[in-house]
């Protein structure tokens, strides 16, 4: 008789897989090295999640959930410019680099695998539209905020000049106030 699934073990494994993906990214994830890093077997990963794709999709959902919990702490009704600056300060912090790298990896993956990358992008837009002001941001303003932050984050992650990107964000915020 087969052993029944252990939801607690599955949850712990999912948390570990999410940590692994944040540290290593999605590119080239293979079940054997992943299982070895987690101290389990590929057979157990497949038993718990069914397939590598399902495992990675659930890990991405877990990471999005973690990010959403942290973003929820940033609620503000201080106006567009102050909101933008607060989001920038939060997302550009060194401890968020793993989340941001994974964001860009899934964003690029969405070009070929829309189902994998679109949820993370949609989460950002949804957050900005519903959380920042009681009346919410209109879709075009939320899209503009995300586009500016996304572009500056990409620069920050790939060019060693954080002061330049911080100043660019401040200038954009000034334009919003004008």
Foldseek 3Di string as FASTA:
>chain_A
DDDDDDVVVLVVLLVLVLVVCLVPNDPPDDQQVSCVVVVHHSVVVCVSQVDPVSSVLSSVVVLLVVVLVVVLVLAEAPDDLVSLLSVLVVCLDPVNVSVLVNLVVLCVVCVVVVVRNVVSVVSQLVCQQPGHHPNGDDSVSSVVSCVLSNVLSVCVNPPVDNVVSSVVSNVVSVVRVD
